[in-house]
Protein backbone atom coordinates (compact mmCIF):
# COMPACT_ATOMS: atom_id res chain seq x y z
CA MET A 1 29.43 36.63 59.72
CA VAL A 2 30.44 39.10 57.02
CA VAL A 3 28.05 40.91 54.70
CA ASP A 4 29.33 42.40 51.45
CA GLN A 5 26.99 45.11 50.14
CA ASN A 6 26.73 45.31 46.37
CA ASP A 7 28.21 48.55 45.04
CA PRO A 8 26.69 49.21 41.61
CA THR A 9 29.56 51.58 40.79
CA GLU A 10 32.02 48.68 40.96
CA ASN A 11 32.33 46.44 37.94
CA GLU A 12 33.20 43.26 39.84
CA TYR A 13 31.77 39.81 39.28
CA VAL A 14 29.90 38.26 42.18
CA THR A 15 32.15 35.19 42.15
CA ARG A 16 35.23 37.34 42.83
CA ARG A 17 33.40 39.06 45.68
CA ILE A 18 32.40 35.67 47.13
CA VAL A 19 35.97 34.36 47.11
CA ARG A 20 37.26 37.57 48.69
CA GLN A 21 34.65 37.46 51.47
CA VAL A 22 35.19 33.75 52.20
CA ALA A 23 38.94 34.41 52.39
CA THR A 24 38.27 37.18 54.90
CA VAL A 25 35.93 35.07 57.06
CA THR A 26 38.21 32.04 57.09
CA ASP A 27 41.42 34.10 57.39
CA THR A 28 42.79 32.29 54.36
CA ALA A 29 44.48 33.71 51.29
CA ALA A 30 42.09 33.65 48.33
CA THR A 31 44.67 31.69 46.35
CA GLU A 32 44.62 28.98 49.03
CA LEU A 33 40.86 28.39 48.82
CA PRO A 34 39.56 25.52 46.68
CA PRO A 35 38.54 26.71 43.21
CA LEU A 36 34.92 27.88 43.33
CA GLY A 37 34.47 26.46 39.82
CA ARG A 38 34.80 22.93 41.21
CA LEU A 39 31.68 23.52 43.29
CA LEU A 40 29.43 25.36 40.87
CA ASP A 41 29.23 26.94 37.44
CA VAL A 42 30.86 30.33 38.04
CA ASP A 43 29.82 31.69 34.64
CA ALA A 44 26.17 30.89 35.39
CA LEU A 45 26.42 32.52 38.82
CA ASP A 46 27.97 35.64 37.32
CA GLU A 47 25.14 35.77 34.77
CA LEU A 48 22.53 35.54 37.54
CA PHE A 49 24.18 38.45 39.39
CA PRO A 50 25.73 40.74 36.76
CA PRO A 51 28.21 43.47 37.75
CA ASN A 52 26.50 46.83 38.26
CA GLY A 53 23.14 45.12 38.61
CA ARG A 54 20.73 43.11 40.65
CA GLY A 55 20.13 39.42 40.57
CA ASN A 56 17.04 37.54 39.56
CA CYS A 57 17.04 35.17 42.51
CA CYS A 58 18.70 34.18 45.77
CA VAL A 59 21.27 31.41 46.08
CA SER A 60 23.01 29.73 48.96
CA PHE A 61 25.70 27.08 49.13
CA ARG A 62 28.53 25.80 51.31
CA TYR A 63 32.08 26.66 50.33
CA ALA A 64 35.38 26.26 52.17
CA GLY A 65 33.82 25.80 55.60
CA THR A 66 31.27 28.59 55.20
CA GLU A 67 27.65 29.12 54.28
CA VAL A 68 27.38 31.66 51.45
CA GLU A 69 24.13 33.45 50.63
CA VAL A 70 23.62 35.89 47.77
CA ASN A 71 20.32 37.78 47.74
CA GLU A 72 18.47 39.48 44.89
CA GLU A 73 20.32 42.74 45.67
CA ALA A 74 23.58 40.81 45.05
CA GLU A 75 24.56 41.27 48.70
CA ILE A 76 26.75 38.45 49.92
CA GLU A 77 26.52 37.01 53.44
CA VAL A 78 29.25 34.59 54.53
CA THR A 79 28.94 32.70 57.80
CA PRO A 80 31.43 30.15 59.13
CA LEU A 81 29.80 26.74 59.50
CA GLY A 82 29.14 25.89 63.12
CA ASP A 83 28.66 29.50 64.24
CA SER A 84 25.51 30.03 66.27
CA GLN A 85 23.28 32.74 64.94
């Protein structure tokens, strides 16, 4: 499991952070992952969790063999599917 803490001084969209963390967890180049936009509306997700801010909700979904959770603090938790917790 990898947790990415939101850094409000960084101006980075949550979708970019998700792809980077999933690439790390799966040991796959980000460019080799399936496009996140085929799974969900990336613009809507970025609006829910704006850069330099907090989100209005929590979301979770499966992507590229992982479970991704984003909390209201815009912290991202990525867990490989099948890992015991």
